[in-house]
PDB file of N, CA and C in Angstrom:
ATOM      1  N   MET A   1      -8.739  16.457  49.809  1.00  0.00           N
ATOM      2  CA  MET A   1      -9.525  15.936  50.901  1.00  0.00           C
ATOM      3  C   MET A   1     -10.982  16.147  50.547  1.00  0.00           C
ATOM      4  N   GLY A   2     -11.780  15.222  50.900  1.00  0.00           N
ATOM      5  CA  GLY A   2     -13.188  15.364  50.593  1.00  0.00           C
ATOM      6  C   GLY A   2     -14.061  14.758  51.661  1.00  0.00           C
ATOM      7  N   LEU A   3     -15.343  15.046  51.545  1.00  0.00           N
ATOM      8  CA  LEU A   3     -16.332  14.443  52.426  1.00  0.00           C
ATOM      9  C   LEU A   3     -16.706  13.057  51.930  1.00  0.00           C
ATOM     10  N   CYS A   4     -16.019  12.600  50.940  1.00  0.00           N
ATOM     11  CA  CYS A   4     -16.330  11.359  50.250  1.00  0.00           C
ATOM     12  C   CYS A   4     -15.902  10.125  51.055  1.00  0.00           C
ATOM     13  N   LEU A   5     -16.178   8.994  50.476  1.00  0.00           N
ATOM     14  CA  LEU A   5     -15.702   7.726  51.009  1.00  0.00           C
ATOM     15  C   LEU A   5     -14.290   7.482  50.488  1.00  0.00           C
ATOM     16  N   PRO A   6     -13.448   6.734  51.212  1.00  0.00           N
ATOM     17  CA  PRO A   6     -12.076   6.492  50.761  1.00  0.00           C
ATOM     18  C   PRO A   6     -11.981   5.942  49.329  1.00  0.00           C
ATOM     19  N   ALA A   7     -12.859   5.043  48.948  1.00  0.00           N
ATOM     20  CA  ALA A   7     -12.810   4.495  47.587  1.00  0.00           C
ATOM     21  C   ALA A   7     -13.060   5.582  46.550  1.00  0.00           C
ATOM     22  N   GLU A   8     -13.940   6.536  46.870  1.00  0.00           N
ATOM     23  CA  GLU A   8     -14.203   7.644  45.951  1.00  0.00           C
ATOM     24  C   GLU A   8     -12.976   8.540  45.824  1.00  0.00           C
ATOM     25  N   ALA A   9     -12.313   8.810  46.931  1.00  0.00           N
ATOM     26  CA  ALA A   9     -11.100   9.637  46.891  1.00  0.00           C
ATOM     27  C   ALA A   9     -10.025   8.962  46.036  1.00  0.00           C
ATOM     28  N   ARG A  10      -9.856   7.657  46.197  1.00  0.00           N
ATOM     29  CA  ARG A  10      -8.856   6.940  45.384  1.00  0.00           C
ATOM     30  C   ARG A  10      -9.182   7.036  43.903  1.00  0.00           C
ATOM     31  N   ALA A  11     -10.454   6.912  43.561  1.00  0.00           N
ATOM     32  CA  ALA A  11     -10.850   6.964  42.152  1.00  0.00           C
ATOM     33  C   ALA A  11     -10.594   8.344  41.557  1.00  0.00           C
ATOM     34  N   VAL A  12     -10.991   9.398  42.271  1.00  0.00           N
ATOM     35  CA  VAL A  12     -10.809  10.763  41.754  1.00  0.00           C
ATOM     36  C   VAL A  12      -9.331  11.107  41.703  1.00  0.00           C
ATOM     37  N   CYS A  13      -8.604  10.823  42.761  1.00  0.00           N
ATOM     38  CA  CYS A  13      -7.173  11.144  42.771  1.00  0.00           C
ATOM     39  C   CYS A  13      -6.424  10.320  41.739  1.00  0.00           C
ATOM     40  N   GLY A  14      -6.855   9.105  41.523  1.00  0.00           N
ATOM     41  CA  GLY A  14      -6.211   8.270  40.510  1.00  0.00           C
ATOM     42  C   GLY A  14      -6.306   8.877  39.129  1.00  0.00           C
ATOM     43  N   ARG A  15      -7.400   9.583  38.856  1.00  0.00           N
ATOM     44  CA  ARG A  15      -7.578  10.254  37.560  1.00  0.00           C
ATOM     45  C   ARG A  15      -6.906  11.613  37.522  1.00  0.00           C
ATOM     46  N   ARG A  16      -7.041  12.403  38.588  1.00  0.00           N
ATOM     47  CA  ARG A  16      -6.592  13.798  38.557  1.00  0.00           C
ATOM     48  C   ARG A  16      -5.179  13.996  39.073  1.00  0.00           C
ATOM     49  N   ALA A  17      -4.757  13.210  40.042  1.00  0.00           N
ATOM     50  CA  ALA A  17      -3.442  13.417  40.665  1.00  0.00           C
ATOM     51  C   ALA A  17      -2.904  12.093  41.179  1.00  0.00           C
ATOM     52  N   PRO A  18      -2.566  11.178  40.269  1.00  0.00           N
ATOM     53  CA  PRO A  18      -2.197   9.824  40.689  1.00  0.00           C
ATOM     54  C   PRO A  18      -0.967   9.744  41.592  1.00  0.00           C
ATOM     55  N   SER A  19      -0.111  10.742  41.575  1.00  0.00           N
ATOM     56  CA  SER A  19       1.087  10.681  42.411  1.00  0.00           C
ATOM     57  C   SER A  19       0.870  11.253  43.812  1.00  0.00           C
ATOM     58  N   LEU A  20      -0.331  11.750  44.076  1.00  0.00           N
ATOM     59  CA  LEU A  20      -0.611  12.378  45.362  1.00  0.00           C
ATOM     60  C   LEU A  20      -1.552  11.538  46.206  1.00  0.00           C
ATOM     61  N   ARG A  21      -1.497  11.774  47.503  1.00  0.00           N
ATOM     62  CA  ARG A  21      -2.409  11.093  48.415  1.00  0.00           C
ATOM     63  C   ARG A  21      -3.554  12.043  48.732  1.00  0.00           C
ATOM     64  N   CYS A  22      -4.757  11.592  48.508  1.00  0.00           N
ATOM     65  CA  CYS A  22      -5.946  12.379  48.819  1.00  0.00           C
ATOM     66  C   CYS A  22      -6.614  11.791  50.053  1.00  0.00           C
ATOM     67  N   LEU A  23      -7.191  12.660  50.855  1.00  0.00           N
ATOM     68  CA  LEU A  23      -7.760  12.238  52.126  1.00  0.00           C
ATOM     69  C   LEU A  23      -9.251  12.510  52.188  1.00  0.00           C
ATOM     70  N   CYS A  24      -9.932  11.780  53.054  1.00  0.00           N
ATOM     71  CA  CYS A  24     -11.351  11.972  53.319  1.00  0.00           C
ATOM     72  C   CYS A  24     -11.528  12.413  54.764  1.00  0.00           C
ATOM     73  N   ASP A  25     -12.533  13.225  54.996  1.00  0.00           N
ATOM     74  CA  ASP A  25     -12.841  13.688  56.344  1.00  0.00           C
ATOM     75  C   ASP A  25     -14.352  13.743  56.515  1.00  0.00           C
ATOM     76  N   ARG A  26     -14.940  12.622  56.815  1.00  0.00           N
ATOM     77  CA  ARG A  26     -16.393  12.545  56.950  1.00  0.00           C
ATOM     78  C   ARG A  26     -16.897  13.352  58.155  1.00  0.00           C
ATOM     79  N   SER A  27     -16.045  13.615  59.130  1.00  0.00           N
ATOM     80  CA  SER A  27     -16.468  14.351  60.333  1.00  0.00           C
ATOM     81  C   SER A  27     -16.459  15.866  60.135  1.00  0.00           C
ATOM     82  N   LYS A  28     -15.827  16.355  59.098  1.00  0.00           N
ATOM     83  CA  LYS A  28     -15.665  17.777  58.781  1.00  0.00           C
ATOM     84  C   LYS A  28     -14.723  18.508  59.731  1.00  0.00           C
ATOM     85  N   ALA A  29     -13.998  17.813  60.575  1.00  0.00           N
ATOM     86  CA  ALA A  29     -13.065  18.464  61.501  1.00  0.00           C
ATOM     87  C   ALA A  29     -11.963  19.197  60.747  1.00  0.00           C
ATOM     88  N   ALA A  30     -11.413  18.577  59.721  1.00  0.00           N
ATOM     89  CA  ALA A  30     -10.356  19.234  58.936  1.00  0.00           C
ATOM     90  C   ALA A  30     -10.912  20.430  58.171  1.00  0.00           C
ATOM     91  N   TYR A  31     -12.156  20.346  57.709  1.00  0.00           N
ATOM     92  CA  TYR A  31     -12.775  21.474  57.015  1.00  0.00           C
ATOM     93  C   TYR A  31     -12.783  22.693  57.929  1.00  0.00           C
ATOM     94  N   ALA A  32     -13.183  22.496  59.176  1.00  0.00           N
ATOM     95  CA  ALA A  32     -13.210  23.601  60.134  1.00  0.00           C
ATOM     96  C   ALA A  32     -11.792  24.085  60.431  1.00  0.00           C
ATOM     97  N   ALA A  33     -10.857  23.165  60.638  1.00  0.00           N
ATOM     98  CA  ALA A  33      -9.478  23.535  60.961  1.00  0.00           C
ATOM     99  C   ALA A  33      -8.811  24.326  59.849  1.00  0.00           C
ATOM    100  N   TYR A  34      -9.142  24.023  58.602  1.00  0.00           N
ATOM    101  CA  TYR A  34      -8.539  24.710  57.461  1.00  0.00           C
ATOM    102  C   TYR A  34      -9.365  25.902  56.987  1.00  0.00           C
ATOM    103  N   GLY A  35     -10.423  26.211  57.687  1.00  0.00           N
ATOM    104  CA  GLY A  35     -11.184  27.413  57.388  1.00  0.00           C
ATOM    105  C   GLY A  35     -12.103  27.339  56.187  1.00  0.00           C
ATOM    106  N   LEU A  36     -12.517  26.142  55.799  1.00  0.00           N
ATOM    107  CA  LEU A  36     -13.462  26.014  54.692  1.00  0.00           C
ATOM    108  C   LEU A  36     -14.861  26.386  55.171  1.00  0.00           C
ATOM    109  N   ALA A  37     -15.612  27.000  54.284  1.00  0.00           N
ATOM    110  CA  ALA A  37     -16.896  27.575  54.678  1.00  0.00           C
ATOM    111  C   ALA A  37     -18.058  26.908  53.964  1.00  0.00           C
ATOM    112  N   ASP A  38     -19.226  27.111  54.533  1.00  0.00           N
ATOM    113  CA  ASP A  38     -20.455  26.725  53.851  1.00  0.00           C
ATOM    114  C   ASP A  38     -20.719  27.746  52.747  1.00  0.00           C
ATOM    115  N   GLY A  39     -21.312  27.276  51.670  1.00  0.00           N
ATOM    116  CA  GLY A  39     -21.677  28.170  50.583  1.00  0.00           C
ATOM    117  C   GLY A  39     -23.173  28.409  50.578  1.00  0.00           C
ATOM    118  N   ASP A  40     -23.566  29.414  49.828  1.00  0.00           N
ATOM    119  CA  ASP A  40     -25.001  29.673  49.693  1.00  0.00           C
ATOM    120  C   ASP A  40     -25.494  29.070  48.373  1.00  0.00           C
ATOM    121  N   LEU A  41     -26.764  29.202  48.111  1.00  0.00           N
ATOM    122  CA  LEU A  41     -27.383  28.599  46.931  1.00  0.00           C
ATOM    123  C   LEU A  41     -26.714  29.071  45.633  1.00  0.00           C
ATOM    124  N   PHE A  42     -26.319  30.344  45.573  1.00  0.00           N
ATOM    125  CA  PHE A  42     -25.699  30.862  44.358  1.00  0.00           C
ATOM    126  C   PHE A  42     -24.270  30.357  44.196  1.00  0.00           C
ATOM    127  N   GLN A  43     -23.535  30.211  45.295  1.00  0.00           N
ATOM    128  CA  GLN A  43     -22.169  29.700  45.220  1.00  0.00           C
ATOM    129  C   GLN A  43     -22.134  28.215  44.876  1.00  0.00           C
ATOM    130  N   LEU A  44     -23.185  27.515  45.228  1.00  0.00           N
ATOM    131  CA  LEU A  44     -23.181  26.063  45.052  1.00  0.00           C
ATOM    132  C   LEU A  44     -23.952  25.584  43.830  1.00  0.00           C
ATOM    133  N   MET A  45     -24.957  26.336  43.373  1.00  0.00           N
ATOM    134  CA  MET A  45     -25.777  25.815  42.281  1.00  0.00           C
ATOM    135  C   MET A  45     -26.227  26.833  41.250  1.00  0.00           C
ATOM    136  N   LEU A  46     -26.663  28.012  41.651  1.00  0.00           N
ATOM    137  CA  LEU A  46     -27.396  28.893  40.753  1.00  0.00           C
ATOM    138  C   LEU A  46     -26.645  30.127  40.273  1.00  0.00           C
ATOM    139  N   GLY A  47     -25.494  30.401  40.843  1.00  0.00           N
ATOM    140  CA  GLY A  47     -24.765  31.599  40.452  1.00  0.00           C
ATOM    141  C   GLY A  47     -24.266  31.527  39.015  1.00  0.00           C
ATOM    142  N   PRO A  48     -24.091  32.666  38.359  1.00  0.00           N
ATOM    143  CA  PRO A  48     -23.665  32.670  36.964  1.00  0.00           C
ATOM    144  C   PRO A  48     -22.323  31.968  36.737  1.00  0.00           C
ATOM    145  N   GLU A  49     -21.380  32.104  37.680  1.00  0.00           N
ATOM    146  CA  GLU A  49     -20.088  31.436  37.525  1.00  0.00           C
ATOM    147  C   GLU A  49     -20.233  29.915  37.601  1.00  0.00           C
ATOM    148  N   VAL A  50     -21.132  29.465  38.460  1.00  0.00           N
ATOM    149  CA  VAL A  50     -21.366  28.031  38.611  1.00  0.00           C
ATOM    150  C   VAL A  50     -22.026  27.471  37.355  1.00  0.00           C
ATOM    151  N   VAL A  51     -23.069  28.145  36.880  1.00  0.00           N
ATOM    152  CA  VAL A  51     -23.774  27.694  35.681  1.00  0.00           C
ATOM    153  C   VAL A  51     -22.830  27.696  34.487  1.00  0.00           C
ATOM    154  N   ALA A  52     -22.009  28.742  34.349  1.00  0.00           N
ATOM    155  CA  ALA A  52     -21.041  28.801  33.246  1.00  0.00           C
ATOM    156  C   ALA A  52     -20.027  27.662  33.358  1.00  0.00           C
ATOM    157  N   GLY A  53     -19.591  27.351  34.570  1.00  0.00           N
ATOM    158  CA  GLY A  53     -18.661  26.243  34.768  1.00  0.00           C
ATOM    159  C   GLY A  53     -19.269  24.910  34.382  1.00  0.00           C
ATOM    160  N   TYR A  54     -20.515  24.707  34.765  1.00  0.00           N
ATOM    161  CA  TYR A  54     -21.209  23.474  34.374  1.00  0.00           C
ATOM    162  C   TYR A  54     -21.325  23.388  32.859  1.00  0.00           C
ATOM    163  N   ALA A  55     -21.640  24.511  32.214  1.00  0.00           N
ATOM    164  CA  ALA A  55     -21.777  24.520  30.751  1.00  0.00           C
ATOM    165  C   ALA A  55     -20.449  24.203  30.071  1.00  0.00           C
ATOM    166  N   ARG A  56     -19.350  24.814  30.558  1.00  0.00           N
ATOM    167  CA  ARG A  56     -18.019  24.523  29.982  1.00  0.00           C
ATOM    168  C   ARG A  56     -17.673  23.046  30.133  1.00  0.00           C
ATOM    169  N   ALA A  57     -17.932  22.509  31.313  1.00  0.00           N
ATOM    170  CA  ALA A  57     -17.624  21.098  31.556  1.00  0.00           C
ATOM    171  C   ALA A  57     -18.463  20.201  30.652  1.00  0.00           C
ATOM    172  N   ALA A  58     -19.741  20.511  30.509  1.00  0.00           N
ATOM    173  CA  ALA A  58     -20.625  19.697  29.666  1.00  0.00           C
ATOM    174  C   ALA A  58     -20.171  19.732  28.210  1.00  0.00           C
ATOM    175  N   MET A  59     -19.736  20.906  27.740  1.00  0.00           N
ATOM    176  CA  MET A  59     -19.265  21.014  26.355  1.00  0.00           C
ATOM    177  C   MET A  59     -17.999  20.187  26.118  1.00  0.00           C
ATOM    178  N   GLN A  60     -17.269  19.906  27.180  1.00  0.00           N
ATOM    179  CA  GLN A  60     -16.073  19.071  27.081  1.00  0.00           C
ATOM    180  C   GLN A  60     -16.381  17.601  27.374  1.00  0.00           C
ATOM    181  N   GLY A  61     -17.667  17.291  27.547  1.00  0.00           N
ATOM    182  CA  GLY A  61     -18.078  15.914  27.781  1.00  0.00           C
ATOM    183  C   GLY A  61     -18.080  15.489  29.237  1.00  0.00           C
ATOM    184  N   HIS A  62     -17.915  16.417  30.163  1.00  0.00           N
ATOM    185  CA  HIS A  62     -17.916  16.109  31.593  1.00  0.00           C
ATOM    186  C   HIS A  62     -19.288  16.443  32.156  1.00  0.00           C
ATOM    187  N   LEU A  63     -20.085  15.440  32.364  1.00  0.00           N
ATOM    188  CA  LEU A  63     -21.437  15.657  32.863  1.00  0.00           C
ATOM    189  C   LEU A  63     -21.496  15.412  34.358  1.00  0.00           C
ATOM    190  N   ALA A  64     -22.258  16.245  35.042  1.00  0.00           N
ATOM    191  CA  ALA A  64     -22.403  16.089  36.484  1.00  0.00           C
ATOM    192  C   ALA A  64     -23.166  14.810  36.789  1.00  0.00           C
ATOM    193  N   ARG A  65     -22.697  14.130  37.805  1.00  0.00           N
ATOM    194  CA  ARG A  65     -23.378  12.937  38.295  1.00  0.00           C
ATOM    195  C   ARG A  65     -23.771  13.178  39.731  1.00  0.00           C
ATOM    196  N   PRO A  66     -24.822  12.554  40.190  1.00  0.00           N
ATOM    197  CA  PRO A  66     -25.187  12.720  41.599  1.00  0.00           C
ATOM    198  C   PRO A  66     -24.059  12.217  42.498  1.00  0.00           C
ATOM    199  N   ALA A  67     -23.792  12.958  43.541  1.00  0.00           N
ATOM    200  CA  ALA A  67     -22.772  12.541  44.498  1.00  0.00           C
ATOM    201  C   ALA A  67     -23.298  11.369  45.309  1.00  0.00           C
ATOM    202  N   SER A  68     -22.429  10.402  45.554  1.00  0.00           N
ATOM    203  CA  SER A  68     -22.852   9.245  46.340  1.00  0.00           C
ATOM    204  C   SER A  68     -22.654   9.479  47.834  1.00  0.00           C
ATOM    205  N   SER A  69     -21.893  10.513  48.167  1.00  0.00           N
ATOM    206  CA  SER A  69     -21.671  10.814  49.580  1.00  0.00           C
ATOM    207  C   SER A  69     -21.237  12.264  49.703  1.00  0.00           C
ATOM    208  N   GLY A  70     -21.123  12.725  50.929  1.00  0.00           N
ATOM    209  CA  GLY A  70     -20.640  14.072  51.160  1.00  0.00           C
ATOM    210  C   GLY A  70     -21.771  15.063  51.325  1.00  0.00           C
ATOM    211  N   ASP A  71     -21.394  16.267  51.651  1.00  0.00           N
ATOM    212  CA  ASP A  71     -22.338  17.333  51.921  1.00  0.00           C
ATOM    213  C   ASP A  71     -22.200  18.388  50.831  1.00  0.00           C
ATOM    214  N   ILE A  72     -22.513  17.995  49.599  1.00  0.00           N
ATOM    215  CA  ILE A  72     -22.298  18.882  48.461  1.00  0.00           C
ATOM    216  C   ILE A  72     -23.237  20.071  48.466  1.00  0.00           C
ATOM    217  N   TRP A  73     -24.274  20.044  49.267  1.00  0.00           N
ATOM    218  CA  TRP A  73     -25.244  21.131  49.278  1.00  0.00           C
ATOM    219  C   TRP A  73     -24.856  22.247  50.225  1.00  0.00           C
ATOM    220  N   ARG A  74     -23.756  22.116  50.925  1.00  0.00           N
ATOM    221  CA  ARG A  74     -23.368  23.158  51.878  1.00  0.00           C
ATOM    222  C   ARG A  74     -21.914  23.576  51.764  1.00  0.00           C
ATOM    223  N   MET A  75     -21.013  22.654  51.609  1.00  0.00           N
ATOM    224  CA  MET A  75     -19.593  22.963  51.732  1.00  0.00           C
ATOM    225  C   MET A  75     -18.995  23.484  50.430  1.00  0.00           C
ATOM    226  N   LEU A  76     -18.258  24.584  50.534  1.00  0.00           N
ATOM    227  CA  LEU A  76     -17.461  25.051  49.414  1.00  0.00           C
ATOM    228  C   LEU A  76     -16.150  24.273  49.410  1.00  0.00           C
ATOM    229  N   PRO A  77     -15.651  23.922  48.242  1.00  0.00           N
ATOM    230  CA  PRO A  77     -14.408  23.157  48.192  1.00  0.00           C
ATOM    231  C   PRO A  77     -13.180  24.015  48.459  1.00  0.00           C
ATOM    232  N   GLY A  78     -12.128  23.349  48.795  1.00  0.00           N
ATOM    233  CA  GLY A  78     -10.809  23.966  48.952  1.00  0.00           C
ATOM    234  C   GLY A  78      -9.762  22.934  48.603  1.00  0.00           C
ATOM    235  N   THR A  79      -8.608  23.401  48.170  1.00  0.00           N
ATOM    236  CA  THR A  79      -7.510  22.504  47.812  1.00  0.00           C
ATOM    237  C   THR A  79      -6.253  23.009  48.505  1.00  0.00           C
ATOM    238  N   PHE A  80      -5.508  22.083  49.090  1.00  0.00           N
ATOM    239  CA  PHE A  80      -4.309  22.427  49.847  1.00  0.00           C
ATOM    240  C   PHE A  80      -3.156  21.549  49.376  1.00  0.00           C
ATOM    241  N   ALA A  81      -2.018  22.158  49.121  1.00  0.00           N
ATOM    242  CA  ALA A  81      -0.798  21.405  48.806  1.00  0.00           C
ATOM    243  C   ALA A  81       0.016  21.358  50.092  1.00  0.00           C
ATOM    244  N   ILE A  82       0.182  20.162  50.642  1.00  0.00           N
ATOM    245  CA  ILE A  82       0.866  19.975  51.919  1.00  0.00           C
ATOM    246  C   ILE A  82       2.074  19.091  51.672  1.00  0.00           C
ATOM    247  N   ASP A  83       3.252  19.568  52.075  1.00  0.00           N
ATOM    248  CA  ASP A  83       4.468  18.798  51.806  1.00  0.00           C
ATOM    249  C   ASP A  83       4.634  17.636  52.788  1.00  0.00           C
ATOM    250  N   ALA A  84       5.674  16.862  52.605  1.00  0.00           N
ATOM    251  CA  ALA A  84       5.900  15.652  53.404  1.00  0.00           C
ATOM    252  C   ALA A  84       6.093  15.961  54.888  1.00  0.00           C
ATOM    253  N   GLU A  85       6.499  17.190  55.213  1.00  0.00           N
ATOM    254  CA  GLU A  85       6.675  17.574  56.616  1.00  0.00           C
ATOM    255  C   GLU A  85       5.401  18.150  57.221  1.00  0.00           C
ATOM    256  N   GLY A  86       4.335  18.234  56.434  1.00  0.00           N
ATOM    257  CA  GLY A  86       3.070  18.748  56.926  1.00  0.00           C
ATOM    258  C   GLY A  86       2.903  20.251  56.792  1.00  0.00           C
ATOM    259  N   VAL A  87       3.799  20.898  56.035  1.00  0.00           N
ATOM    260  CA  VAL A  87       3.711  22.347  55.832  1.00  0.00           C
ATOM    261  C   VAL A  87       2.788  22.629  54.649  1.00  0.00           C
ATOM    262  N   VAL A  88       1.821  23.506  54.854  1.00  0.00           N
ATOM    263  CA  VAL A  88       0.916  23.905  53.775  1.00  0.00           C
ATOM    264  C   VAL A  88       1.671  24.869  52.867  1.00  0.00           C
ATOM    265  N   ARG A  89       1.863  24.481  51.619  1.00  0.00           N
ATOM    266  CA  ARG A  89       2.634  25.277  50.655  1.00  0.00           C
ATOM    267  C   ARG A  89       1.763  26.099  49.712  1.00  0.00           C
ATOM    268  N   ALA A  90       0.543  25.672  49.479  1.00  0.00           N
ATOM    269  CA  ALA A  90      -0.369  26.417  48.610  1.00  0.00           C
ATOM    270  C   ALA A  90      -1.797  26.126  49.029  1.00  0.00           C
ATOM    271  N   VAL A  91      -2.649  27.127  48.875  1.00  0.00           N
ATOM    272  CA  VAL A  91      -4.048  27.015  49.281  1.00  0.00           C
ATOM    273  C   VAL A  91      -4.931  27.617  48.192  1.00  0.00           C
ATOM    274  N   HIS A  92      -6.045  26.964  47.935  1.00  0.00           N
ATOM    275  CA  HIS A  92      -7.071  27.523  47.044  1.00  0.00           C
ATOM    276  C   HIS A  92      -8.421  27.355  47.725  1.00  0.00           C
ATOM    277  N   TYR A  93      -9.005  28.471  48.166  1.00  0.00           N
ATOM    278  CA  TYR A  93     -10.355  28.468  48.715  1.00  0.00           C
ATOM    279  C   TYR A  93     -11.310  28.792  47.576  1.00  0.00           C
ATOM    280  N   ALA A  94     -12.185  27.870  47.255  1.00  0.00           N
ATOM    281  CA  ALA A  94     -13.121  28.077  46.153  1.00  0.00           C
ATOM    282  C   ALA A  94     -14.131  29.166  46.499  1.00  0.00           C
ATOM    283  N   ARG A  95     -14.388  30.046  45.540  1.00  0.00           N
ATOM    284  CA  ARG A  95     -15.400  31.093  45.705  1.00  0.00           C
ATOM    285  C   ARG A  95     -16.778  30.573  45.339  1.00  0.00           C
ATOM    286  N   HIS A  96     -16.809  29.484  44.556  1.00  0.00           N
ATOM    287  CA  HIS A  96     -18.066  28.857  44.144  1.00  0.00           C
ATOM    288  C   HIS A  96     -17.757  27.415  43.760  1.00  0.00           C
ATOM    289  N   ALA A  97     -18.792  26.624  43.496  1.00  0.00           N
ATOM    290  CA  ALA A  97     -18.630  25.186  43.271  1.00  0.00           C
ATOM    291  C   ALA A  97     -17.758  24.859  42.067  1.00  0.00           C
ATOM    292  N   GLY A  98     -17.723  25.730  41.063  1.00  0.00           N
ATOM    293  CA  GLY A  98     -16.934  25.458  39.871  1.00  0.00           C
ATOM    294  C   GLY A  98     -15.555  26.087  39.878  1.00  0.00           C
ATOM    295  N   ASP A  99     -15.157  26.681  40.985  1.00  0.00           N
ATOM    296  CA  ASP A  99     -13.869  27.373  41.093  1.00  0.00           C
ATOM    297  C   ASP A  99     -12.769  26.357  41.390  1.00  0.00           C
ATOM    298  N   GLN A 100     -12.056  25.976  40.362  1.00  0.00           N
ATOM    299  CA  GLN A 100     -11.020  24.945  40.491  1.00  0.00           C
ATOM    300  C   GLN A 100      -9.632  25.573  40.587  1.00  0.00           C
ATOM    301  N   PRO A 101      -8.737  24.958  41.346  1.00  0.00           N
ATOM    302  CA  PRO A 101      -7.381  25.504  41.469  1.00  0.00           C
ATOM    303  C   PRO A 101      -6.547  25.200  40.229  1.00  0.00           C
ATOM    304  N   ASP A 102      -5.464  25.934  40.102  1.00  0.00           N
ATOM    305  CA  ASP A 102      -4.455  25.639  39.088  1.00  0.00           C
ATOM    306  C   ASP A 102      -3.574  24.534  39.676  1.00  0.00           C
ATOM    307  N   LEU A 103      -3.854  23.285  39.304  1.00  0.00           N
ATOM    308  CA  LEU A 103      -3.135  22.154  39.903  1.00  0.00           C
ATOM    309  C   LEU A 103      -1.649  22.184  39.575  1.00  0.00           C
ATOM    310  N   ASP A 104      -1.279  22.647  38.393  1.00  0.00           N
ATOM    311  CA  ASP A 104       0.144  22.732  38.056  1.00  0.00           C
ATOM    312  C   ASP A 104       0.872  23.687  39.005  1.00  0.00           C
ATOM    313  N   ALA A 105       0.253  24.824  39.295  1.00  0.00           N
ATOM    314  CA  ALA A 105       0.862  25.780  40.227  1.00  0.00           C
ATOM    315  C   ALA A 105       0.945  25.207  41.631  1.00  0.00           C
ATOM    316  N   MET A 106      -0.078  24.473  42.028  1.00  0.00           N
ATOM    317  CA  MET A 106      -0.052  23.885  43.367  1.00  0.00           C
ATOM    318  C   MET A 106       1.045  22.828  43.471  1.00  0.00           C
ATOM    319  N   LEU A 107       1.190  22.022  42.435  1.00  0.00           N
ATOM    320  CA  LEU A 107       2.252  21.020  42.430  1.00  0.00           C
ATOM    321  C   LEU A 107       3.620  21.688  42.405  1.00  0.00           C
ATOM    322  N   ALA A 108       3.751  22.779  41.661  1.00  0.00           N
ATOM    323  CA  ALA A 108       5.015  23.502  41.607  1.00  0.00           C
ATOM    324  C   ALA A 108       5.402  24.026  42.995  1.00  0.00           C
ATOM    325  N   SER A 109       4.414  24.411  43.805  1.00  0.00           N
ATOM    326  CA  SER A 109       4.717  24.892  45.153  1.00  0.00           C
ATOM    327  C   SER A 109       5.348  23.793  46.000  1.00  0.00           C
ATOM    328  N   LEU A 110       5.013  22.556  45.717  1.00  0.00           N
ATOM    329  CA  LEU A 110       5.598  21.441  46.457  1.00  0.00           C
ATOM    330  C   LEU A 110       7.009  21.134  45.970  1.00  0.00           C
ATOM    331  N   ARG A 111       7.263  21.361  44.706  1.00  0.00           N
ATOM    332  CA  ARG A 111       8.598  21.090  44.147  1.00  0.00           C
ATOM    333  C   ARG A 111       9.630  22.116  44.593  1.00  0.00           C
ATOM    334  N   ARG A 112       9.193  23.304  44.975  1.00  0.00           N
ATOM    335  CA  ARG A 112      10.115  24.357  45.379  1.00  0.00           C
ATOM    336  C   ARG A 112      10.670  24.132  46.779  1.00  0.00           C
ATOM    337  N   THR A 113      10.138  23.187  47.498  1.00  0.00           N
ATOM    338  CA  THR A 113      10.587  22.993  48.888  1.00  0.00           C
ATOM    339  C   THR A 113      11.798  22.099  48.951  1.00  0.00           C
TER     340      THR A 113
END
């Protein structure tokens, strides 16, 4: 789920998780309901973990691009694996902007149901 536009969600999910449905929430209601928090300057841009993450991504050819939508300057990301019945099976609350979940583990949590 993202603060993005639906077309952006389709593009990202098509690359990262083509078999899953990704959602957008421009109102931030789901962010509040799922307990996602605002980050500070170090969690979002200047902290050593964030800078190291950007450097690792750049070395692999993944360069940051300006976001076309969303509130990237405040919201910390989170990832939730929710099964077909609406049960949350796995959660990853990001500690900083570069803190990515183990997608294989999250997908495995859905297969165990």
